[in-house]
Amino acid sequence: MSRIGKKPVELPSGVSASVSGQTIEVKGPKGTRSFTATDDVTIAVEDNVVKIDPRGTSKRARQQWGMSRTMVANLVTGVTEGFKKELEIQGVGYRAQMQGNTLKLNLGYSHDVDFTAPEGVTITAPKQTEIVVEGIDQQQVGEVAAKIREWRRPEPYKGKGIRYKGEFIFRKEGKKK
């Protein structure tokens, strides 16, 4: 039995959900998101509460039960609060700045790296060493943050690179003579 799937998803005020077949569409102050569940679960909206139930007791139905409930909860969180990933840049001369919809990164390469923000994601650089990625789709926000981090991953010897805020990088000792 799924402990996650048993919990219903409550819809806060200002958020509405509609189900058509296996697709649930959630509308809120920040936008609209939808999710299509597999045929292994049923989705029902009753009194500002979304309930997900499995169809049968197969292993796949139980797996989809918890996953579908989490996806619906993420839709609700996305349209009410949104998702946010914060990155910090460490290294001498490493900088980030926004120019319109493009993030310009100076990461020690012979050229600047230009990263254009995809639709639905907002990138800001409040300081030269901080990048904030925000949006209503958790998967897309995480993917954009990972792509930015990939340009210069934090290295273990000097700790230079782009890291998530609060991320611990295991430091290594260099060669000894």
N, C-alpha and C. Protein backbone atom coordinates (compact mmCIF):
# COMPACT_ATOMS: atom_id res chain seq x y z
N MET A 1 0.84 -1.19 0.00
CA MET A 1 0.00 0.00 0.00
C MET A 1 0.88 1.24 0.00
N SER A 2 0.49 2.20 -0.81
CA SER A 2 1.24 3.45 -0.88
C SER A 2 0.82 4.38 0.24
N ARG A 3 1.80 4.82 1.04
CA ARG A 3 1.48 5.77 2.09
C ARG A 3 1.34 7.17 1.51
N ILE A 4 2.07 7.44 0.44
CA ILE A 4 1.98 8.75 -0.20
C ILE A 4 0.66 8.87 -0.94
N GLY A 5 0.28 7.84 -1.67
CA GLY A 5 -0.93 7.87 -2.48
C GLY A 5 -2.21 8.01 -1.67
N LYS A 6 -2.20 7.54 -0.43
CA LYS A 6 -3.40 7.61 0.41
C LYS A 6 -3.77 9.05 0.77
N LYS A 7 -2.76 9.91 0.89
CA LYS A 7 -3.03 11.29 1.30
C LYS A 7 -3.67 12.07 0.14
N PRO A 8 -4.82 12.69 0.37
CA PRO A 8 -5.41 13.50 -0.69
C PRO A 8 -4.65 14.82 -0.85
N VAL A 9 -4.71 15.41 -2.05
CA VAL A 9 -4.06 16.69 -2.32
C VAL A 9 -5.10 17.79 -2.15
N GLU A 10 -4.87 18.68 -1.20
CA GLU A 10 -5.81 19.76 -0.95
C GLU A 10 -5.52 20.93 -1.88
N LEU A 11 -6.57 21.53 -2.42
CA LEU A 11 -6.44 22.68 -3.30
C LEU A 11 -6.63 23.96 -2.48
N PRO A 12 -5.61 24.82 -2.40
CA PRO A 12 -5.78 26.06 -1.65
C PRO A 12 -6.74 27.01 -2.37
N SER A 13 -7.14 28.09 -1.68
CA SER A 13 -8.07 29.04 -2.30
C SER A 13 -7.38 29.70 -3.48
N GLY A 14 -8.14 29.90 -4.55
CA GLY A 14 -7.59 30.49 -5.76
C GLY A 14 -7.08 29.47 -6.75
N VAL A 15 -7.15 28.19 -6.39
CA VAL A 15 -6.69 27.12 -7.27
C VAL A 15 -7.86 26.23 -7.62
N SER A 16 -8.01 25.93 -8.92
CA SER A 16 -9.09 25.04 -9.35
C SER A 16 -8.50 23.91 -10.17
N ALA A 17 -9.14 22.75 -10.09
CA ALA A 17 -8.69 21.58 -10.83
C ALA A 17 -9.86 20.98 -11.59
N SER A 18 -9.58 20.51 -12.81
CA SER A 18 -10.61 19.84 -13.60
C SER A 18 -10.01 18.58 -14.20
N VAL A 19 -10.82 17.52 -14.20
CA VAL A 19 -10.37 16.22 -14.71
C VAL A 19 -11.16 15.89 -15.96
N SER A 20 -10.42 15.50 -17.03
CA SER A 20 -11.08 14.99 -18.23
C SER A 20 -10.34 13.72 -18.63
N GLY A 21 -10.98 12.58 -18.39
CA GLY A 21 -10.34 11.29 -18.65
C GLY A 21 -9.23 11.06 -17.65
N GLN A 22 -8.00 10.88 -18.12
CA GLN A 22 -6.85 10.66 -17.25
C GLN A 22 -6.01 11.93 -17.10
N THR A 23 -6.48 13.05 -17.63
CA THR A 23 -5.73 14.31 -17.57
C THR A 23 -6.34 15.24 -16.53
N ILE A 24 -5.49 15.75 -15.65
CA ILE A 24 -5.94 16.74 -14.67
C ILE A 24 -5.26 18.07 -15.03
N GLU A 25 -6.06 19.14 -15.01
CA GLU A 25 -5.55 20.47 -15.30
C GLU A 25 -5.76 21.34 -14.06
N VAL A 26 -4.69 21.96 -13.59
CA VAL A 26 -4.73 22.78 -12.39
C VAL A 26 -4.46 24.23 -12.78
N LYS A 27 -5.37 25.12 -12.38
CA LYS A 27 -5.22 26.55 -12.67
C LYS A 27 -5.01 27.29 -11.36
N GLY A 28 -4.05 28.22 -11.37
CA GLY A 28 -3.76 29.00 -10.17
C GLY A 28 -3.29 30.38 -10.52
N PRO A 29 -2.86 31.15 -9.54
CA PRO A 29 -2.44 32.52 -9.78
C PRO A 29 -1.20 32.64 -10.67
N LYS A 30 -0.33 31.64 -10.69
CA LYS A 30 0.90 31.72 -11.49
C LYS A 30 0.76 31.12 -12.88
N GLY A 31 -0.35 30.41 -13.15
CA GLY A 31 -0.52 29.82 -14.48
C GLY A 31 -1.33 28.54 -14.44
N THR A 32 -1.22 27.79 -15.53
CA THR A 32 -1.96 26.55 -15.69
C THR A 32 -0.98 25.42 -16.01
N ARG A 33 -1.17 24.27 -15.35
CA ARG A 33 -0.35 23.09 -15.61
C ARG A 33 -1.26 21.88 -15.70
N SER A 34 -0.83 20.87 -16.47
CA SER A 34 -1.63 19.66 -16.59
C SER A 34 -0.74 18.43 -16.51
N PHE A 35 -1.35 17.31 -16.14
CA PHE A 35 -0.64 16.04 -16.01
C PHE A 35 -1.57 14.94 -16.48
N THR A 36 -1.04 14.03 -17.31
CA THR A 36 -1.82 12.89 -17.79
C THR A 36 -1.32 11.64 -17.06
N ALA A 37 -2.20 11.03 -16.30
CA ALA A 37 -1.85 9.84 -15.54
C ALA A 37 -2.04 8.59 -16.41
N THR A 38 -1.42 7.50 -15.98
CA THR A 38 -1.57 6.24 -16.70
C THR A 38 -2.94 5.64 -16.38
N ASP A 39 -3.30 4.56 -17.07
CA ASP A 39 -4.60 3.91 -16.85
C ASP A 39 -4.64 3.09 -15.57
N ASP A 40 -3.52 3.05 -14.82
CA ASP A 40 -3.46 2.26 -13.60
C ASP A 40 -4.09 2.98 -12.40
N VAL A 41 -4.41 4.28 -12.53
CA VAL A 41 -4.98 5.04 -11.42
C VAL A 41 -6.20 5.81 -11.88
N THR A 42 -7.05 6.16 -10.92
CA THR A 42 -8.20 7.03 -11.20
C THR A 42 -8.03 8.32 -10.42
N ILE A 43 -8.38 9.44 -11.05
CA ILE A 43 -8.25 10.75 -10.43
C ILE A 43 -9.65 11.33 -10.27
N ALA A 44 -9.95 11.84 -9.07
CA ALA A 44 -11.25 12.45 -8.81
C ALA A 44 -11.07 13.73 -8.00
N VAL A 45 -11.86 14.77 -8.34
CA VAL A 45 -11.83 16.03 -7.60
C VAL A 45 -13.14 16.16 -6.85
N GLU A 46 -13.07 16.29 -5.52
CA GLU A 46 -14.27 16.44 -4.68
C GLU A 46 -13.99 17.47 -3.60
N ASP A 47 -14.78 18.52 -3.53
CA ASP A 47 -14.72 19.52 -2.45
C ASP A 47 -13.30 20.07 -2.23
N ASN A 48 -12.69 20.62 -3.26
CA ASN A 48 -11.33 21.19 -3.18
C ASN A 48 -10.28 20.18 -2.71
N VAL A 49 -10.49 18.91 -3.01
CA VAL A 49 -9.54 17.85 -2.69
C VAL A 49 -9.41 16.94 -3.90
N VAL A 50 -8.18 16.61 -4.26
CA VAL A 50 -7.94 15.67 -5.36
C VAL A 50 -7.55 14.34 -4.76
N LYS A 51 -8.29 13.28 -5.14
CA LYS A 51 -8.01 11.93 -4.64
C LYS A 51 -7.53 11.07 -5.80
N ILE A 52 -6.50 10.29 -5.52
CA ILE A 52 -5.97 9.35 -6.51
C ILE A 52 -6.10 7.96 -5.92
N ASP A 53 -6.68 7.04 -6.69
CA ASP A 53 -6.85 5.66 -6.25
C ASP A 53 -6.31 4.71 -7.30
N PRO A 54 -5.73 3.56 -6.88
CA PRO A 54 -5.23 2.60 -7.86
C PRO A 54 -6.37 1.77 -8.44
N ARG A 55 -6.18 1.30 -9.65
CA ARG A 55 -7.13 0.37 -10.26
C ARG A 55 -6.51 -1.02 -10.19
N GLY A 56 -6.78 -1.71 -9.12
CA GLY A 56 -6.21 -3.05 -8.95
C GLY A 56 -5.10 -3.04 -7.93
N THR A 57 -4.49 -4.22 -7.75
CA THR A 57 -3.43 -4.37 -6.73
C THR A 57 -2.11 -4.77 -7.35
N SER A 58 -1.95 -4.59 -8.65
CA SER A 58 -0.69 -4.96 -9.29
C SER A 58 0.42 -4.03 -8.81
N LYS A 59 1.66 -4.48 -8.97
CA LYS A 59 2.80 -3.69 -8.53
C LYS A 59 2.85 -2.37 -9.28
N ARG A 60 2.60 -2.40 -10.58
CA ARG A 60 2.63 -1.17 -11.39
C ARG A 60 1.57 -0.18 -10.94
N ALA A 61 0.38 -0.66 -10.61
CA ALA A 61 -0.70 0.23 -10.16
C ALA A 61 -0.31 0.91 -8.86
N ARG A 62 0.32 0.17 -7.96
CA ARG A 62 0.74 0.76 -6.69
C ARG A 62 1.87 1.77 -6.89
N GLN A 63 2.77 1.49 -7.85
CA GLN A 63 3.85 2.44 -8.15
C GLN A 63 3.28 3.73 -8.72
N GLN A 64 2.37 3.60 -9.66
CA GLN A 64 1.79 4.77 -10.31
C GLN A 64 0.92 5.58 -9.35
N TRP A 65 0.37 4.93 -8.34
CA TRP A 65 -0.50 5.58 -7.37
C TRP A 65 0.27 6.68 -6.62
N GLY A 66 1.39 6.33 -6.02
CA GLY A 66 2.19 7.30 -5.28
C GLY A 66 2.80 8.35 -6.19
N MET A 67 3.28 7.93 -7.35
CA MET A 67 3.90 8.86 -8.29
C MET A 67 2.89 9.87 -8.81
N SER A 68 1.68 9.42 -9.14
CA SER A 68 0.65 10.32 -9.65
C SER A 68 0.23 11.33 -8.60
N ARG A 69 0.11 10.89 -7.36
CA ARG A 69 -0.26 11.80 -6.28
C ARG A 69 0.81 12.89 -6.12
N THR A 70 2.09 12.51 -6.18
CA THR A 70 3.18 13.48 -6.05
C THR A 70 3.19 14.45 -7.23
N MET A 71 2.91 13.96 -8.42
CA MET A 71 2.87 14.84 -9.60
C MET A 71 1.76 15.88 -9.46
N VAL A 72 0.58 15.46 -8.98
CA VAL A 72 -0.54 16.39 -8.79
C VAL A 72 -0.19 17.41 -7.70
N ALA A 73 0.46 16.96 -6.63
CA ALA A 73 0.87 17.88 -5.56
C ALA A 73 1.87 18.90 -6.09
N ASN A 74 2.77 18.47 -6.99
CA ASN A 74 3.74 19.39 -7.59
C ASN A 74 3.05 20.39 -8.51
N LEU A 75 1.99 19.97 -9.20
CA LEU A 75 1.23 20.90 -10.04
C LEU A 75 0.64 22.00 -9.17
N VAL A 76 0.05 21.61 -8.04
CA VAL A 76 -0.59 22.58 -7.14
C VAL A 76 0.46 23.53 -6.57
N THR A 77 1.60 23.00 -6.14
CA THR A 77 2.67 23.85 -5.61
C THR A 77 3.20 24.79 -6.68
N GLY A 78 3.33 24.30 -7.90
CA GLY A 78 3.84 25.13 -9.00
C GLY A 78 2.96 26.31 -9.33
N VAL A 79 1.64 26.10 -9.37
CA VAL A 79 0.75 27.20 -9.75
C VAL A 79 0.47 28.16 -8.58
N THR A 80 0.80 27.76 -7.34
CA THR A 80 0.60 28.67 -6.21
C THR A 80 1.90 29.39 -5.83
N GLU A 81 2.95 28.63 -5.55
CA GLU A 81 4.20 29.23 -5.09
C GLU A 81 5.27 29.27 -6.17
N GLY A 82 5.31 28.27 -7.03
CA GLY A 82 6.38 28.16 -8.02
C GLY A 82 7.58 27.44 -7.41
N PHE A 83 8.55 27.13 -8.26
CA PHE A 83 9.75 26.43 -7.83
C PHE A 83 10.95 27.32 -8.09
N LYS A 84 12.00 27.12 -7.29
CA LYS A 84 13.15 28.01 -7.35
C LYS A 84 14.42 27.23 -7.05
N LYS A 85 15.45 27.42 -7.87
CA LYS A 85 16.77 26.84 -7.63
C LYS A 85 17.76 27.99 -7.60
N GLU A 86 18.62 28.00 -6.59
CA GLU A 86 19.62 29.05 -6.47
C GLU A 86 21.00 28.44 -6.70
N LEU A 87 21.78 29.10 -7.54
CA LEU A 87 23.14 28.67 -7.85
C LEU A 87 24.11 29.75 -7.39
N GLU A 88 25.29 29.35 -6.98
CA GLU A 88 26.32 30.34 -6.65
C GLU A 88 27.59 29.99 -7.41
N ILE A 89 28.30 31.04 -7.80
CA ILE A 89 29.52 30.89 -8.60
C ILE A 89 30.71 31.19 -7.70
N GLN A 90 31.70 30.31 -7.70
CA GLN A 90 32.93 30.55 -6.95
C GLN A 90 34.11 30.41 -7.88
N GLY A 91 35.03 31.33 -7.79
CA GLY A 91 36.22 31.31 -8.62
C GLY A 91 36.62 32.73 -8.99
N VAL A 92 37.91 32.97 -9.10
CA VAL A 92 38.40 34.31 -9.41
C VAL A 92 38.01 34.68 -10.84
N GLY A 93 37.30 35.77 -10.98
CA GLY A 93 36.91 36.25 -12.31
C GLY A 93 35.67 35.59 -12.87
N TYR A 94 35.05 34.66 -12.15
CA TYR A 94 33.83 34.02 -12.64
C TYR A 94 32.65 34.94 -12.32
N ARG A 95 31.87 35.27 -13.35
CA ARG A 95 30.76 36.21 -13.17
C ARG A 95 29.56 35.78 -13.99
N ALA A 96 28.40 36.28 -13.59
CA ALA A 96 27.16 36.06 -14.34
C ALA A 96 26.39 37.37 -14.38
N GLN A 97 25.75 37.65 -15.52
CA GLN A 97 24.89 38.83 -15.63
C GLN A 97 23.83 38.56 -16.67
N MET A 98 22.67 39.19 -16.48
CA MET A 98 21.56 39.04 -17.42
C MET A 98 21.59 40.17 -18.43
N GLN A 99 21.36 39.83 -19.69
CA GLN A 99 21.19 40.81 -20.75
C GLN A 99 19.93 40.42 -21.51
N GLY A 100 18.82 41.04 -21.11
CA GLY A 100 17.54 40.68 -21.70
C GLY A 100 17.12 39.31 -21.22
N ASN A 101 16.96 38.37 -22.15
CA ASN A 101 16.55 37.01 -21.83
C ASN A 101 17.75 36.05 -21.83
N THR A 102 18.97 36.61 -21.95
CA THR A 102 20.17 35.80 -22.06
C THR A 102 21.04 35.96 -20.82
N LEU A 103 21.50 34.83 -20.29
CA LEU A 103 22.42 34.83 -19.16
C LEU A 103 23.84 34.75 -19.72
N LYS A 104 24.65 35.77 -19.43
CA LYS A 104 26.04 35.78 -19.89
C LYS A 104 26.92 35.32 -18.75
N LEU A 105 27.65 34.24 -18.98
CA LEU A 105 28.53 33.66 -17.97
C LEU A 105 29.98 33.83 -18.38
N ASN A 106 30.80 34.38 -17.50
CA ASN A 106 32.23 34.49 -17.70
C ASN A 106 32.87 33.47 -16.77
N LEU A 107 33.29 32.32 -17.33
CA LEU A 107 33.72 31.19 -16.50
C LEU A 107 35.16 30.76 -16.77
N GLY A 108 35.98 31.68 -17.24
CA GLY A 108 37.39 31.36 -17.46
C GLY A 108 37.67 30.75 -18.81
N TYR A 109 36.68 30.64 -19.66
CA TYR A 109 36.92 30.17 -21.02
C TYR A 109 37.42 31.34 -21.86
N SER A 110 37.85 31.07 -23.08
CA SER A 110 38.32 32.14 -23.95
C SER A 110 37.17 32.98 -24.48
N HIS A 111 35.93 32.55 -24.23
CA HIS A 111 34.74 33.26 -24.69
C HIS A 111 33.70 33.25 -23.58
N ASP A 112 32.76 34.19 -23.66
CA ASP A 112 31.64 34.18 -22.71
C ASP A 112 30.64 33.12 -23.12
N VAL A 113 30.00 32.51 -22.15
CA VAL A 113 28.96 31.52 -22.42
C VAL A 113 27.61 32.23 -22.37
N ASP A 114 26.83 32.12 -23.44
CA ASP A 114 25.49 32.71 -23.49
C ASP A 114 24.47 31.60 -23.31
N PHE A 115 23.59 31.76 -22.33
CA PHE A 115 22.54 30.77 -22.08
C PHE A 115 21.20 31.48 -22.16
N THR A 116 20.38 31.09 -23.13
CA THR A 116 19.06 31.69 -23.30
C THR A 116 18.05 30.93 -22.46
N ALA A 117 17.26 31.66 -21.69
CA ALA A 117 16.26 31.05 -20.82
C ALA A 117 15.12 30.50 -21.66
N PRO A 118 14.73 29.23 -21.47
CA PRO A 118 13.59 28.69 -22.21
C PRO A 118 12.29 29.30 -21.72
N GLU A 119 11.23 29.12 -22.51
CA GLU A 119 9.93 29.67 -22.14
C GLU A 119 9.41 28.98 -20.89
N GLY A 120 8.85 29.76 -19.98
CA GLY A 120 8.30 29.21 -18.75
C GLY A 120 9.28 29.24 -17.58
N VAL A 121 10.53 29.64 -17.84
CA VAL A 121 11.55 29.71 -16.80
C VAL A 121 12.12 31.12 -16.77
N THR A 122 12.25 31.68 -15.56
CA THR A 122 12.82 33.01 -15.38
C THR A 122 14.17 32.88 -14.71
N ILE A 123 15.19 33.48 -15.30
CA ILE A 123 16.53 33.46 -14.74
C ILE A 123 16.89 34.88 -14.34
N THR A 124 17.40 35.05 -13.12
CA THR A 124 17.86 36.35 -12.66
C THR A 124 19.24 36.19 -12.04
N ALA A 125 20.00 37.29 -12.06
CA ALA A 125 21.32 37.31 -11.44
C ALA A 125 21.37 38.50 -10.50
N PRO A 126 20.89 38.32 -9.22
CA PRO A 126 20.88 39.45 -8.29
C PRO A 126 22.27 39.99 -7.98
N LYS A 127 23.28 39.13 -7.94
CA LYS A 127 24.68 39.52 -7.76
C LYS A 127 25.46 38.88 -8.90
N GLN A 128 26.73 39.27 -9.03
CA GLN A 128 27.55 38.67 -10.08
C GLN A 128 27.88 37.22 -9.80
N THR A 129 27.75 36.80 -8.55
CA THR A 129 28.10 35.43 -8.20
C THR A 129 26.88 34.59 -7.82
N GLU A 130 25.68 35.07 -8.13
CA GLU A 130 24.46 34.32 -7.82
C GLU A 130 23.56 34.25 -9.04
N ILE A 131 22.92 33.10 -9.21
CA ILE A 131 21.94 32.89 -10.28
C ILE A 131 20.71 32.28 -9.64
N VAL A 132 19.52 32.81 -9.97
CA VAL A 132 18.27 32.27 -9.45
C VAL A 132 17.42 31.84 -10.64
N VAL A 133 17.00 30.57 -10.63
CA VAL A 133 16.16 30.00 -11.68
C VAL A 133 14.78 29.75 -11.07
N GLU A 134 13.72 30.33 -11.67
CA GLU A 134 12.37 30.18 -11.13
C GLU A 134 11.40 29.79 -12.24
N GLY A 135 10.33 29.08 -11.85
CA GLY A 135 9.30 28.68 -12.79
C GLY A 135 8.21 27.89 -12.10
N ILE A 136 7.18 27.50 -12.87
CA ILE A 136 6.08 26.74 -12.28
C ILE A 136 6.22 25.24 -12.53
N ASP A 137 7.18 24.84 -13.37
CA ASP A 137 7.40 23.42 -13.67
C ASP A 137 8.68 22.97 -12.98
N GLN A 138 8.55 22.11 -11.97
CA GLN A 138 9.70 21.68 -11.18
C GLN A 138 10.75 20.99 -12.04
N GLN A 139 10.33 20.15 -12.95
CA GLN A 139 11.26 19.41 -13.79
C GLN A 139 12.05 20.36 -14.68
N GLN A 140 11.39 21.34 -15.26
CA GLN A 140 12.05 22.28 -16.16
C GLN A 140 13.02 23.19 -15.40
N VAL A 141 12.64 23.63 -14.21
CA VAL A 141 13.51 24.48 -13.39
C VAL A 141 14.79 23.71 -13.02
N GLY A 142 14.64 22.46 -12.61
CA GLY A 142 15.79 21.64 -12.26
C GLY A 142 16.69 21.36 -13.44
N GLU A 143 16.08 21.15 -14.61
CA GLU A 143 16.87 20.87 -15.81
C GLU A 143 17.66 22.09 -16.24
N VAL A 144 17.06 23.28 -16.20
CA VAL A 144 17.77 24.50 -16.57
C VAL A 144 18.91 24.76 -15.60
N ALA A 145 18.67 24.59 -14.30
CA ALA A 145 19.73 24.78 -13.31
C ALA A 145 20.88 23.80 -13.53
N ALA A 146 20.55 22.56 -13.87
CA ALA A 146 21.59 21.55 -14.13
C ALA A 146 22.39 21.88 -15.38
N LYS A 147 21.73 22.42 -16.41
CA LYS A 147 22.44 22.80 -17.64
C LYS A 147 23.40 23.96 -17.37
N ILE A 148 22.97 24.93 -16.56
CA ILE A 148 23.85 26.05 -16.21
C ILE A 148 25.05 25.55 -15.40
N ARG A 149 24.78 24.66 -14.44
CA ARG A 149 25.84 24.11 -13.59
C ARG A 149 26.84 23.31 -14.40
N GLU A 150 26.37 22.69 -15.47
CA GLU A 150 27.22 21.82 -16.29
C GLU A 150 28.34 22.59 -17.00
N TRP A 151 28.18 23.89 -17.19
CA TRP A 151 29.22 24.68 -17.87
C TRP A 151 30.51 24.70 -17.08
N ARG A 152 30.43 24.71 -15.76
CA ARG A 152 31.65 24.67 -14.95
C ARG A 152 31.28 24.04 -13.61
N ARG A 153 31.35 22.71 -13.57
CA ARG A 153 30.99 21.98 -12.34
C ARG A 153 32.02 22.26 -11.26
N PRO A 154 31.62 22.23 -10.00
CA PRO A 154 32.59 22.50 -8.93
C PRO A 154 33.64 21.40 -8.86
N GLU A 155 34.90 21.82 -8.80
CA GLU A 155 35.97 20.83 -8.76
C GLU A 155 36.47 20.68 -7.32
N PRO A 156 36.97 19.50 -6.96
CA PRO A 156 37.25 19.19 -5.55
C PRO A 156 38.56 19.77 -5.00
N TYR A 157 39.44 20.30 -5.84
CA TYR A 157 40.74 20.74 -5.35
C TYR A 157 40.72 22.20 -4.89
N LYS A 158 40.18 23.09 -5.69
CA LYS A 158 40.11 24.51 -5.30
C LYS A 158 38.68 24.95 -4.98
N GLY A 159 37.69 24.13 -5.36
CA GLY A 159 36.29 24.46 -5.09
C GLY A 159 35.70 25.45 -6.07
N LYS A 160 36.38 25.68 -7.19
CA LYS A 160 35.87 26.63 -8.18
C LYS A 160 34.75 26.00 -9.00
N GLY A 161 33.82 26.83 -9.47
CA GLY A 161 32.76 26.35 -10.34
C GLY A 161 31.40 26.85 -9.91
N ILE A 162 30.37 26.33 -10.56
CA ILE A 162 28.98 26.70 -10.26
C ILE A 162 28.38 25.58 -9.42
N ARG A 163 27.84 25.95 -8.26
CA ARG A 163 27.24 24.95 -7.37
C ARG A 163 25.86 25.41 -6.93
N TYR A 164 25.05 24.47 -6.47
CA TYR A 164 23.76 24.82 -5.89
C TYR A 164 24.02 25.49 -4.55
N LYS A 165 23.15 26.41 -4.17
CA LYS A 165 23.32 27.09 -2.89
C LYS A 165 23.19 26.08 -1.76
N GLY A 166 24.17 26.04 -0.89
CA GLY A 166 24.17 25.11 0.23
C GLY A 166 24.75 23.74 -0.10
N GLU A 167 25.18 23.51 -1.34
CA GLU A 167 25.75 22.22 -1.73
C GLU A 167 27.15 22.07 -1.12
N PHE A 168 27.44 20.91 -0.58
CA PHE A 168 28.75 20.63 -0.01
C PHE A 168 29.59 19.92 -1.05
N ILE A 169 30.78 20.45 -1.30
CA ILE A 169 31.72 19.83 -2.22
C ILE A 169 32.84 19.22 -1.39
N PHE A 170 33.03 17.92 -1.49
CA PHE A 170 34.08 17.23 -0.75
C PHE A 170 35.42 17.69 -1.32
N ARG A 171 36.24 18.31 -0.47
CA ARG A 171 37.51 18.86 -0.91
C ARG A 171 38.61 17.79 -0.81
N LYS A 172 39.50 17.80 -1.80
CA LYS A 172 40.61 16.86 -1.81
C LYS A 172 41.93 17.60 -1.59
N GLU A 173 42.89 16.90 -1.07
CA GLU A 173 44.22 17.48 -0.88
C GLU A 173 45.01 17.28 -2.15
N GLY A 174 45.81 18.26 -2.52
CA GLY A 174 46.61 18.16 -3.75
C GLY A 174 47.80 17.24 -3.57
N LYS A 175 48.64 17.14 -4.62
CA LYS A 175 49.84 16.30 -4.57
C LYS A 175 50.82 16.84 -3.56
N LYS A 176 51.50 15.96 -2.87
CA LYS A 176 52.54 16.37 -1.94
C LYS A 176 53.89 16.09 -2.54
N LYS A 177 54.84 16.95 -2.22
CA LYS A 177 56.20 16.74 -2.75
C LYS A 177 57.00 15.84 -1.86
